[in-house]
Structures are given as structure tokens and as C-alpha cells.
PDB file of N, CA and C in Angstrom:
ATOM      1  N   MET A   1     -12.341   5.360   8.145  1.00  0.00           N
ATOM      2  CA  MET A   1     -11.768   6.681   7.998  1.00  0.00           C
ATOM      3  C   MET A   1     -12.416   7.363   6.801  1.00  0.00           C
ATOM      4  N   LEU A   2     -12.917   8.556   7.006  1.00  0.00           N
ATOM      5  CA  LEU A   2     -13.504   9.332   5.924  1.00  0.00           C
ATOM      6  C   LEU A   2     -12.428  10.169   5.240  1.00  0.00           C
ATOM      7  N   ILE A   3     -12.442  10.128   3.921  1.00  0.00           N
ATOM      8  CA  ILE A   3     -11.454  10.864   3.139  1.00  0.00           C
ATOM      9  C   ILE A   3     -12.197  11.700   2.104  1.00  0.00           C
ATOM     10  N   ASP A   4     -11.769  12.948   1.926  1.00  0.00           N
ATOM     11  CA  ASP A   4     -12.422  13.812   0.951  1.00  0.00           C
ATOM     12  C   ASP A   4     -12.128  13.344  -0.472  1.00  0.00           C
ATOM     13  N   LYS A   5     -12.914  13.834  -1.413  1.00  0.00           N
ATOM     14  CA  LYS A   5     -12.829  13.381  -2.796  1.00  0.00           C
ATOM     15  C   LYS A   5     -11.455  13.637  -3.419  1.00  0.00           C
ATOM     16  N   ILE A   6     -10.875  14.785  -3.166  1.00  0.00           N
ATOM     17  CA  ILE A   6      -9.569  15.102  -3.756  1.00  0.00           C
ATOM     18  C   ILE A   6      -8.492  14.157  -3.228  1.00  0.00           C
ATOM     19  N   SER A   7      -8.513  13.889  -1.929  1.00  0.00           N
ATOM     20  CA  SER A   7      -7.539  12.958  -1.348  1.00  0.00           C
ATOM     21  C   SER A   7      -7.741  11.550  -1.898  1.00  0.00           C
ATOM     22  N   MET A   8      -9.017  11.144  -2.074  1.00  0.00           N
ATOM     23  CA  MET A   8      -9.292   9.816  -2.631  1.00  0.00           C
ATOM     24  C   MET A   8      -8.814   9.742  -4.077  1.00  0.00           C
ATOM     25  N   ASP A   9      -9.010  10.813  -4.850  1.00  0.00           N
ATOM     26  CA  ASP A   9      -8.510  10.837  -6.228  1.00  0.00           C
ATOM     27  C   ASP A   9      -6.993  10.694  -6.249  1.00  0.00           C
ATOM     28  N   LEU A  10      -6.316  11.338  -5.309  1.00  0.00           N
ATOM     29  CA  LEU A  10      -4.861  11.212  -5.217  1.00  0.00           C
ATOM     30  C   LEU A  10      -4.465   9.783  -4.866  1.00  0.00           C
ATOM     31  N   LEU A  11      -5.148   9.180  -3.895  1.00  0.00           N
ATOM     32  CA  LEU A  11      -4.842   7.790  -3.526  1.00  0.00           C
ATOM     33  C   LEU A  11      -5.057   6.855  -4.714  1.00  0.00           C
ATOM     34  N   LYS A  12      -6.125   7.075  -5.473  1.00  0.00           N
ATOM     35  CA  LYS A  12      -6.391   6.235  -6.642  1.00  0.00           C
ATOM     36  C   LYS A  12      -5.302   6.396  -7.701  1.00  0.00           C
ATOM     37  N   ALA A  13      -4.828   7.619  -7.897  1.00  0.00           N
ATOM     38  CA  ALA A  13      -3.742   7.852  -8.859  1.00  0.00           C
ATOM     39  C   ALA A  13      -2.457   7.187  -8.384  1.00  0.00           C
ATOM     40  N   LEU A  14      -2.181   7.279  -7.084  1.00  0.00           N
ATOM     41  CA  LEU A  14      -0.977   6.643  -6.535  1.00  0.00           C
ATOM     42  C   LEU A  14      -1.104   5.123  -6.519  1.00  0.00           C
ATOM     43  N   TYR A  15      -2.328   4.624  -6.474  1.00  0.00           N
ATOM     44  CA  TYR A  15      -2.560   3.177  -6.527  1.00  0.00           C
ATOM     45  C   TYR A  15      -2.059   2.624  -7.856  1.00  0.00           C
ATOM     46  N   LYS A  16      -2.221   3.425  -8.924  1.00  0.00           N
ATOM     47  CA  LYS A  16      -1.798   3.000 -10.257  1.00  0.00           C
ATOM     48  C   LYS A  16      -0.286   3.094 -10.437  1.00  0.00           C
ATOM     49  N   LYS A  17       0.311   4.187  -9.927  1.00  0.00           N
ATOM     50  CA  LYS A  17       1.761   4.368 -10.068  1.00  0.00           C
ATOM     51  C   LYS A  17       2.242   5.465  -9.126  1.00  0.00           C
ATOM     52  N   ASP A  18       3.537   5.436  -8.821  1.00  0.00           N
ATOM     53  CA  ASP A  18       4.142   6.496  -8.021  1.00  0.00           C
ATOM     54  C   ASP A  18       4.145   7.780  -8.841  1.00  0.00           C
ATOM     55  N   LEU A  19       3.985   8.918  -8.147  1.00  0.00           N
ATOM     56  CA  LEU A  19       3.914  10.199  -8.837  1.00  0.00           C
ATOM     57  C   LEU A  19       4.949  11.176  -8.289  1.00  0.00           C
ATOM     58  N   PRO A  20       5.552  11.979  -9.182  1.00  0.00           N
ATOM     59  CA  PRO A  20       6.448  13.037  -8.708  1.00  0.00           C
ATOM     60  C   PRO A  20       5.632  14.165  -8.084  1.00  0.00           C
ATOM     61  N   GLU A  21       6.300  14.988  -7.318  1.00  0.00           N
ATOM     62  CA  GLU A  21       5.640  16.076  -6.609  1.00  0.00           C
ATOM     63  C   GLU A  21       4.867  17.003  -7.546  1.00  0.00           C
ATOM     64  N   SER A  22       5.391  17.251  -8.737  1.00  0.00           N
ATOM     65  CA  SER A  22       4.721  18.157  -9.673  1.00  0.00           C
ATOM     66  C   SER A  22       3.344  17.637 -10.070  1.00  0.00           C
ATOM     67  N   GLU A  23       3.216  16.335 -10.289  1.00  0.00           N
ATOM     68  CA  GLU A  23       1.921  15.762 -10.659  1.00  0.00           C
ATOM     69  C   GLU A  23       0.964  15.753  -9.469  1.00  0.00           C
ATOM     70  N   VAL A  24       1.481  15.496  -8.278  1.00  0.00           N
ATOM     71  CA  VAL A  24       0.654  15.521  -7.073  1.00  0.00           C
ATOM     72  C   VAL A  24       0.094  16.923  -6.863  1.00  0.00           C
ATOM     73  N   CYS A  25       0.928  17.930  -7.075  1.00  0.00           N
ATOM     74  CA  CYS A  25       0.496  19.327  -6.926  1.00  0.00           C
ATOM     75  C   CYS A  25      -0.652  19.653  -7.876  1.00  0.00           C
ATOM     76  N   LYS A  26      -0.569  19.174  -9.106  1.00  0.00           N
ATOM     77  CA  LYS A  26      -1.636  19.420 -10.082  1.00  0.00           C
ATOM     78  C   LYS A  26      -2.926  18.738  -9.646  1.00  0.00           C
ATOM     79  N   LEU A  27      -2.827  17.518  -9.139  1.00  0.00           N
ATOM     80  CA  LEU A  27      -4.019  16.768  -8.743  1.00  0.00           C
ATOM     81  C   LEU A  27      -4.771  17.420  -7.590  1.00  0.00           C
ATOM     82  N   ILE A  28      -4.042  17.930  -6.615  1.00  0.00           N
ATOM     83  CA  ILE A  28      -4.706  18.452  -5.413  1.00  0.00           C
ATOM     84  C   ILE A  28      -4.774  19.975  -5.366  1.00  0.00           C
ATOM     85  N   GLY A  29      -4.190  20.637  -6.365  1.00  0.00           N
ATOM     86  CA  GLY A  29      -4.226  22.098  -6.387  1.00  0.00           C
ATOM     87  C   GLY A  29      -3.286  22.736  -5.372  1.00  0.00           C
ATOM     88  N   TRP A  30      -2.170  22.101  -5.124  1.00  0.00           N
ATOM     89  CA  TRP A  30      -1.166  22.581  -4.168  1.00  0.00           C
ATOM     90  C   TRP A  30      -0.220  23.497  -4.921  1.00  0.00           C
ATOM     91  N   GLU A  31      -0.374  24.810  -4.735  1.00  0.00           N
ATOM     92  CA  GLU A  31       0.393  25.768  -5.520  1.00  0.00           C
ATOM     93  C   GLU A  31       1.725  26.147  -4.890  1.00  0.00           C
ATOM     94  N   ASP A  32       1.763  26.296  -3.585  1.00  0.00           N
ATOM     95  CA  ASP A  32       2.983  26.738  -2.906  1.00  0.00           C
ATOM     96  C   ASP A  32       3.586  25.572  -2.126  1.00  0.00           C
ATOM     97  N   THR A  33       4.535  24.873  -2.751  1.00  0.00           N
ATOM     98  CA  THR A  33       5.109  23.680  -2.114  1.00  0.00           C
ATOM     99  C   THR A  33       6.051  24.032  -0.967  1.00  0.00           C
ATOM    100  N   THR A  34       6.356  25.317  -0.785  1.00  0.00           N
ATOM    101  CA  THR A  34       7.181  25.695   0.366  1.00  0.00           C
ATOM    102  C   THR A  34       6.348  25.679   1.646  1.00  0.00           C
ATOM    103  N   GLN A  35       5.016  25.750   1.498  1.00  0.00           N
ATOM    104  CA  GLN A  35       4.108  25.683   2.636  1.00  0.00           C
ATOM    105  C   GLN A  35       3.455  24.298   2.669  1.00  0.00           C
ATOM    106  N   PRO A  36       3.280  23.734   3.846  1.00  0.00           N
ATOM    107  CA  PRO A  36       2.670  22.404   3.916  1.00  0.00           C
ATOM    108  C   PRO A  36       1.202  22.427   3.479  1.00  0.00           C
ATOM    109  N   ASP A  37       0.780  21.364   2.823  1.00  0.00           N
ATOM    110  CA  ASP A  37      -0.612  21.222   2.403  1.00  0.00           C
ATOM    111  C   ASP A  37      -1.326  20.347   3.432  1.00  0.00           C
ATOM    112  N   GLU A  38      -2.518  20.756   3.847  1.00  0.00           N
ATOM    113  CA  GLU A  38      -3.256  20.046   4.892  1.00  0.00           C
ATOM    114  C   GLU A  38      -3.589  18.606   4.479  1.00  0.00           C
ATOM    115  N   ARG A  39      -3.975  18.412   3.226  1.00  0.00           N
ATOM    116  CA  ARG A  39      -4.291  17.051   2.761  1.00  0.00           C
ATOM    117  C   ARG A  39      -3.059  16.159   2.815  1.00  0.00           C
ATOM    118  N   MET A  40      -1.951  16.681   2.298  1.00  0.00           N
ATOM    119  CA  MET A  40      -0.721  15.889   2.269  1.00  0.00           C
ATOM    120  C   MET A  40      -0.253  15.568   3.686  1.00  0.00           C
ATOM    121  N   ARG A  41      -0.370  16.535   4.570  1.00  0.00           N
ATOM    122  CA  ARG A  41       0.042  16.319   5.956  1.00  0.00           C
ATOM    123  C   ARG A  41      -0.786  15.195   6.587  1.00  0.00           C
ATOM    124  N   LEU A  42      -2.107  15.201   6.335  1.00  0.00           N
ATOM    125  CA  LEU A  42      -2.981  14.170   6.889  1.00  0.00           C
ATOM    126  C   LEU A  42      -2.665  12.797   6.303  1.00  0.00           C
ATOM    127  N   LEU A  43      -2.492  12.722   4.984  1.00  0.00           N
ATOM    128  CA  LEU A  43      -2.192  11.441   4.343  1.00  0.00           C
ATOM    129  C   LEU A  43      -0.851  10.877   4.811  1.00  0.00           C
ATOM    130  N   LEU A  44       0.128  11.742   5.001  1.00  0.00           N
ATOM    131  CA  LEU A  44       1.431  11.296   5.515  1.00  0.00           C
ATOM    132  C   LEU A  44       1.338  10.884   6.980  1.00  0.00           C
ATOM    133  N   LYS A  45       0.597  11.658   7.775  1.00  0.00           N
ATOM    134  CA  LYS A  45       0.451  11.371   9.208  1.00  0.00           C
ATOM    135  C   LYS A  45      -0.253  10.039   9.442  1.00  0.00           C
ATOM    136  N   GLU A  46      -1.290   9.767   8.631  1.00  0.00           N
ATOM    137  CA  GLU A  46      -2.044   8.523   8.761  1.00  0.00           C
ATOM    138  C   GLU A  46      -1.342   7.342   8.087  1.00  0.00           C
ATOM    139  N   LYS A  47      -0.165   7.611   7.530  1.00  0.00           N
ATOM    140  CA  LYS A  47       0.661   6.592   6.874  1.00  0.00           C
ATOM    141  C   LYS A  47      -0.050   5.928   5.691  1.00  0.00           C
ATOM    142  N   LEU A  48      -0.826   6.743   4.958  1.00  0.00           N
ATOM    143  CA  LEU A  48      -1.481   6.248   3.753  1.00  0.00           C
ATOM    144  C   LEU A  48      -0.573   6.411   2.544  1.00  0.00           C
ATOM    145  N   ILE A  49       0.328   7.393   2.610  1.00  0.00           N
ATOM    146  CA  ILE A  49       1.316   7.611   1.554  1.00  0.00           C
ATOM    147  C   ILE A  49       2.675   7.843   2.198  1.00  0.00           C
ATOM    148  N   SER A  50       3.713   7.742   1.386  1.00  0.00           N
ATOM    149  CA  SER A  50       5.063   8.060   1.860  1.00  0.00           C
ATOM    150  C   SER A  50       5.804   8.763   0.722  1.00  0.00           C
ATOM    151  N   THR A  51       6.942   9.326   1.053  1.00  0.00           N
ATOM    152  CA  THR A  51       7.747  10.014   0.039  1.00  0.00           C
ATOM    153  C   THR A  51       9.152   9.433   0.035  1.00  0.00           C
ATOM    154  N   ARG A  52       9.780   9.588  -1.105  1.00  0.00           N
ATOM    155  CA  ARG A  52      11.207   9.264  -1.217  1.00  0.00           C
ATOM    156  C   ARG A  52      11.817  10.306  -2.133  1.00  0.00           C
ATOM    157  N   THR A  53      13.091  10.492  -2.025  1.00  0.00           N
ATOM    158  CA  THR A  53      13.765  11.476  -2.870  1.00  0.00           C
ATOM    159  C   THR A  53      14.692  10.769  -3.836  1.00  0.00           C
ATOM    160  N   GLU A  54      14.847  11.376  -5.000  1.00  0.00           N
ATOM    161  CA  GLU A  54      15.741  10.845  -6.029  1.00  0.00           C
ATOM    162  C   GLU A  54      16.621  11.968  -6.534  1.00  0.00           C
ATOM    163  N   GLY A  55      17.796  11.591  -6.962  1.00  0.00           N
ATOM    164  CA  GLY A  55      18.703  12.558  -7.565  1.00  0.00           C
ATOM    165  C   GLY A  55      19.286  13.511  -6.553  1.00  0.00           C
ATOM    166  N   GLY A  56      19.656  14.664  -7.019  1.00  0.00           N
ATOM    167  CA  GLY A  56      20.229  15.682  -6.155  1.00  0.00           C
ATOM    168  C   GLY A  56      21.703  15.872  -6.422  1.00  0.00           C
ATOM    169  N   VAL A  57      22.110  17.116  -6.491  1.00  0.00           N
ATOM    170  CA  VAL A  57      23.515  17.476  -6.682  1.00  0.00           C
ATOM    171  C   VAL A  57      24.030  17.979  -5.338  1.00  0.00           C
ATOM    172  N   PRO A  58      25.027  17.279  -4.756  1.00  0.00           N
ATOM    173  CA  PRO A  58      25.545  17.706  -3.451  1.00  0.00           C
ATOM    174  C   PRO A  58      26.062  19.144  -3.496  1.00  0.00           C
ATOM    175  N   ASP A  59      25.790  19.880  -2.413  1.00  0.00           N
ATOM    176  CA  ASP A  59      26.236  21.272  -2.352  1.00  0.00           C
ATOM    177  C   ASP A  59      27.545  21.437  -1.575  1.00  0.00           C
ATOM    178  N   GLY A  60      28.087  20.357  -1.054  1.00  0.00           N
ATOM    179  CA  GLY A  60      29.346  20.420  -0.326  1.00  0.00           C
ATOM    180  C   GLY A  60      29.193  20.697   1.152  1.00  0.00           C
ATOM    181  N   ALA A  61      27.982  21.012   1.596  1.00  0.00           N
ATOM    182  CA  ALA A  61      27.750  21.301   3.011  1.00  0.00           C
ATOM    183  C   ALA A  61      26.848  20.245   3.644  1.00  0.00           C
ATOM    184  N   GLY A  62      26.767  19.084   3.010  1.00  0.00           N
ATOM    185  CA  GLY A  62      25.945  18.003   3.553  1.00  0.00           C
ATOM    186  C   GLY A  62      24.518  17.998   3.048  1.00  0.00           C
ATOM    187  N   GLY A  63      24.185  18.913   2.151  1.00  0.00           N
ATOM    188  CA  GLY A  63      22.835  18.983   1.590  1.00  0.00           C
ATOM    189  C   GLY A  63      22.887  18.866   0.085  1.00  0.00           C
ATOM    190  N   TYR A  64      21.837  19.340  -0.543  1.00  0.00           N
ATOM    191  CA  TYR A  64      21.759  19.292  -2.001  1.00  0.00           C
ATOM    192  C   TYR A  64      21.400  20.664  -2.542  1.00  0.00           C
ATOM    193  N   GLU A  65      21.839  20.930  -3.773  1.00  0.00           N
ATOM    194  CA  GLU A  65      21.504  22.194  -4.419  1.00  0.00           C
ATOM    195  C   GLU A  65      19.999  22.257  -4.638  1.00  0.00           C
ATOM    196  N   GLU A  66      19.465  23.447  -4.464  1.00  0.00           N
ATOM    197  CA  GLU A  66      18.024  23.648  -4.595  1.00  0.00           C
ATOM    198  C   GLU A  66      17.553  23.323  -6.011  1.00  0.00           C
ATOM    199  N   GLY A  67      16.443  22.601  -6.088  1.00  0.00           N
ATOM    200  CA  GLY A  67      15.856  22.262  -7.370  1.00  0.00           C
ATOM    201  C   GLY A  67      16.421  21.025  -8.032  1.00  0.00           C
ATOM    202  N   THR A  68      17.384  20.359  -7.395  1.00  0.00           N
ATOM    203  CA  THR A  68      17.970  19.172  -8.012  1.00  0.00           C
ATOM    204  C   THR A  68      17.424  17.877  -7.423  1.00  0.00           C
ATOM    205  N   VAL A  69      16.712  17.961  -6.313  1.00  0.00           N
ATOM    206  CA  VAL A  69      16.147  16.780  -5.669  1.00  0.00           C
ATOM    207  C   VAL A  69      14.711  16.608  -6.141  1.00  0.00           C
ATOM    208  N   LYS A  70      14.376  15.389  -6.539  1.00  0.00           N
ATOM    209  CA  LYS A  70      13.028  15.090  -7.013  1.00  0.00           C
ATOM    210  C   LYS A  70      12.317  14.266  -5.939  1.00  0.00           C
ATOM    211  N   ARG A  71      11.166  14.763  -5.472  1.00  0.00           N
ATOM    212  CA  ARG A  71      10.379  14.053  -4.458  1.00  0.00           C
ATOM    213  C   ARG A  71       9.315  13.211  -5.158  1.00  0.00           C
ATOM    214  N   ILE A  72       9.268  11.915  -4.804  1.00  0.00           N
ATOM    215  CA  ILE A  72       8.322  10.971  -5.384  1.00  0.00           C
ATOM    216  C   ILE A  72       7.370  10.503  -4.282  1.00  0.00           C
ATOM    217  N   TYR A  73       6.062  10.499  -4.573  1.00  0.00           N
ATOM    218  CA  TYR A  73       5.059  10.037  -3.621  1.00  0.00           C
ATOM    219  C   TYR A  73       4.641   8.616  -3.970  1.00  0.00           C
ATOM    220  N   HIS A  74       4.428   7.809  -2.933  1.00  0.00           N
ATOM    221  CA  HIS A  74       4.134   6.384  -3.077  1.00  0.00           C
ATOM    222  C   HIS A  74       3.000   6.020  -2.124  1.00  0.00           C
ATOM    223  N   ILE A  75       2.069   5.177  -2.571  1.00  0.00           N
ATOM    224  CA  ILE A  75       0.990   4.735  -1.697  1.00  0.00           C
ATOM    225  C   ILE A  75       1.488   3.572  -0.840  1.00  0.00           C
ATOM    226  N   ARG A  76       1.101   3.571   0.419  1.00  0.00           N
ATOM    227  CA  ARG A  76       1.491   2.511   1.352  1.00  0.00           C
ATOM    228  C   ARG A  76       0.360   1.471   1.410  1.00  0.00           C
ATOM    229  N   PRO A  77       0.606   0.312   2.004  1.00  0.00           N
ATOM    230  CA  PRO A  77      -0.436  -0.722   2.096  1.00  0.00           C
ATOM    231  C   PRO A  77      -1.729  -0.223   2.745  1.00  0.00           C
ATOM    232  N   GLU A  78      -1.617   0.665   3.724  1.00  0.00           N
ATOM    233  CA  GLU A  78      -2.806   1.200   4.375  1.00  0.00           C
ATOM    234  C   GLU A  78      -3.646   2.019   3.397  1.00  0.00           C
ATOM    235  N   GLY A  79      -2.982   2.774   2.531  1.00  0.00           N
ATOM    236  CA  GLY A  79      -3.678   3.558   1.511  1.00  0.00           C
ATOM    237  C   GLY A  79      -4.298   2.664   0.450  1.00  0.00           C
ATOM    238  N   ARG A  80      -3.578   1.599   0.075  1.00  0.00           N
ATOM    239  CA  ARG A  80      -4.118   0.635  -0.886  1.00  0.00           C
ATOM    240  C   ARG A  80      -5.401   0.005  -0.355  1.00  0.00           C
ATOM    241  N   ALA A  81      -5.408  -0.302   0.928  1.00  0.00           N
ATOM    242  CA  ALA A  81      -6.588  -0.920   1.542  1.00  0.00           C
ATOM    243  C   ALA A  81      -7.791   0.018   1.464  1.00  0.00           C
ATOM    244  N   ILE A  82      -7.578   1.301   1.650  1.00  0.00           N
ATOM    245  CA  ILE A  82      -8.682   2.266   1.581  1.00  0.00           C
ATOM    246  C   ILE A  82      -9.228   2.347   0.154  1.00  0.00           C
ATOM    247  N   VAL A  83      -8.348   2.360  -0.842  1.00  0.00           N
ATOM    248  CA  VAL A  83      -8.797   2.405  -2.238  1.00  0.00           C
ATOM    249  C   VAL A  83      -9.580   1.134  -2.575  1.00  0.00           C
ATOM    250  N   GLU A  84      -9.080  -0.019  -2.154  1.00  0.00           N
ATOM    251  CA  GLU A  84      -9.764  -1.274  -2.436  1.00  0.00           C
ATOM    252  C   GLU A  84     -11.110  -1.342  -1.725  1.00  0.00           C
ATOM    253  N   GLN A  85     -11.184  -0.832  -0.508  1.00  0.00           N
ATOM    254  CA  GLN A  85     -12.450  -0.805   0.221  1.00  0.00           C
ATOM    255  C   GLN A  85     -13.455   0.100  -0.486  1.00  0.00           C
ATOM    256  N   GLU A  86     -12.994   1.229  -0.982  1.00  0.00           N
ATOM    257  CA  GLU A  86     -13.867   2.147  -1.728  1.00  0.00           C
ATOM    258  C   GLU A  86     -14.407   1.469  -2.981  1.00  0.00           C
ATOM    259  N   ARG A  87     -13.562   0.736  -3.682  1.00  0.00           N
ATOM    260  CA  ARG A  87     -14.004   0.020  -4.887  1.00  0.00           C
ATOM    261  C   ARG A  87     -15.043  -1.039  -4.527  1.00  0.00           C
ATOM    262  N   ASN A  88     -14.801  -1.781  -3.449  1.00  0.00           N
ATOM    263  CA  ASN A  88     -15.752  -2.811  -3.024  1.00  0.00           C
ATOM    264  C   ASN A  88     -17.085  -2.192  -2.632  1.00  0.00           C
ATOM    265  N   ASN A  89     -17.057  -1.068  -1.932  1.00  0.00           N
ATOM    266  CA  ASN A  89     -18.293  -0.390  -1.539  1.00  0.00           C
ATOM    267  C   ASN A  89     -19.077   0.062  -2.763  1.00  0.00           C
ATOM    268  N   THR A  90     -18.367   0.556  -3.781  1.00  0.00           N
ATOM    269  CA  THR A  90     -19.029   1.016  -5.000  1.00  0.00           C
ATOM    270  C   THR A  90     -19.697  -0.154  -5.722  1.00  0.00           C
ATOM    271  N   VAL A  91     -19.014  -1.270  -5.838  1.00  0.00           N
ATOM    272  CA  VAL A  91     -19.578  -2.457  -6.491  1.00  0.00           C
ATOM    273  C   VAL A  91     -20.780  -2.954  -5.704  1.00  0.00           C
ATOM    274  N   ASP A  92     -20.652  -3.036  -4.389  1.00  0.00           N
ATOM    275  CA  ASP A  92     -21.766  -3.492  -3.556  1.00  0.00           C
ATOM    276  C   ASP A  92     -22.975  -2.570  -3.700  1.00  0.00           C
ATOM    277  N   LYS A  93     -22.730  -1.270  -3.767  1.00  0.00           N
ATOM    278  CA  LYS A  93     -23.820  -0.303  -3.903  1.00  0.00           C
ATOM    279  C   LYS A  93     -24.564  -0.528  -5.216  1.00  0.00           C
ATOM    280  N   TRP A  94     -23.821  -0.718  -6.316  1.00  0.00           N
ATOM    281  CA  TRP A  94     -24.459  -0.921  -7.617  1.00  0.00           C
ATOM    282  C   TRP A  94     -25.173  -2.264  -7.689  1.00  0.00           C
ATOM    283  N   LEU A  95     -24.620  -3.285  -7.079  1.00  0.00           N
ATOM    284  CA  LEU A  95     -25.303  -4.587  -7.045  1.00  0.00           C
ATOM    285  C   LEU A  95     -26.600  -4.496  -6.259  1.00  0.00           C
ATOM    286  N   ASP A  96     -26.573  -3.767  -5.161  1.00  0.00           N
ATOM    287  CA  ASP A  96     -27.780  -3.581  -4.356  1.00  0.00           C
ATOM    288  C   ASP A  96     -28.842  -2.821  -5.149  1.00  0.00           C
ATOM    289  N   ARG A  97     -28.444  -1.783  -5.845  1.00  0.00           N
ATOM    290  CA  ARG A  97     -29.400  -1.018  -6.666  1.00  0.00           C
ATOM    291  C   ARG A  97     -29.977  -1.884  -7.781  1.00  0.00           C
ATOM    292  N   ALA A  98     -29.127  -2.689  -8.407  1.00  0.00           N
ATOM    293  CA  ALA A  98     -29.602  -3.557  -9.502  1.00  0.00           C
ATOM    294  C   ALA A  98     -30.575  -4.598  -8.960  1.00  0.00           C
ATOM    295  N   SER A  99     -30.304  -5.156  -7.798  1.00  0.00           N
ATOM    296  CA  SER A  99     -31.204  -6.177  -7.243  1.00  0.00           C
ATOM    297  C   SER A  99     -32.551  -5.576  -6.846  1.00  0.00           C
ATOM    298  N   ASN A 100     -32.586  -4.305  -6.522  1.00  0.00           N
ATOM    299  CA  ASN A 100     -33.848  -3.646  -6.187  1.00  0.00           C
ATOM    300  C   ASN A 100     -34.687  -3.371  -7.432  1.00  0.00           C
ATOM    301  N   LEU A 101     -34.087  -3.348  -8.615  1.00  0.00           N
ATOM    302  CA  LEU A 101     -34.829  -3.123  -9.837  1.00  0.00           C
ATOM    303  C   LEU A 101     -35.571  -4.379 -10.303  1.00  0.00           C
ATOM    304  N   ILE A 102     -35.038  -5.531  -9.941  1.00  0.00           N
ATOM    305  CA  ILE A 102     -35.644  -6.804 -10.346  1.00  0.00           C
ATOM    306  C   ILE A 102     -36.680  -7.200  -9.276  1.00  0.00           C
ATOM    307  N   PRO A 103     -37.941  -7.369  -9.679  1.00  0.00           N
ATOM    308  CA  PRO A 103     -38.970  -7.716  -8.685  1.00  0.00           C
ATOM    309  C   PRO A 103     -38.874  -9.132  -8.168  1.00  0.00           C
TER     310      PRO A 103
END
């Protein structure tokens, strides 16, 4: 699966730790969170990342008051595998280049 650089940077950041929506928005340049982001939609659809919600003040109608729910993004095993494969490819590439320098 080919992934663009921004999505790979997001996967690498999520590989290190779970991130709140605000940090994810900064990483990918997602300004309007009321509209779906194409990268996020693809990563969620391919099950490379998942979301969970924390907190929230009940509004009495079965929902939560606006702005009180915090969305957290988490990398799934499939996403971890892509990051690890990218790291292995990078190491293999540099080893191949180094071996070509030695006659």
C-alpha cells in the first residue's frame, strides 16, 4: 500500500504515542474538523488508525455538550506494520548503498 508523506508522518507520530485531535490537525493541516479530511478517511477506512472518545458532559438528551468530548487517535496493528516495513526498507536501502561503495 502506498501512503503519502503526510500520512506516513502521522502514522509515525501515532506509533510513538496516541494523539488528541488537535495535534493530529496540526500534523496534517486539517483546519476544518467539521468537514471530513480525505487522509483521515482513508487511514480509518483501511483500519490503519482508530479513534476513541474521552470525557464529555452529558446534555440530558443522550448526547454530550459541544466541545466537551475529546477525540483521541490511536494506531492499529496494521498501521504499525506499515511503519515498521517503512523503517526496514530504509535500513535495507542504506545498507545496499553502503555495500556499493565498498569495492
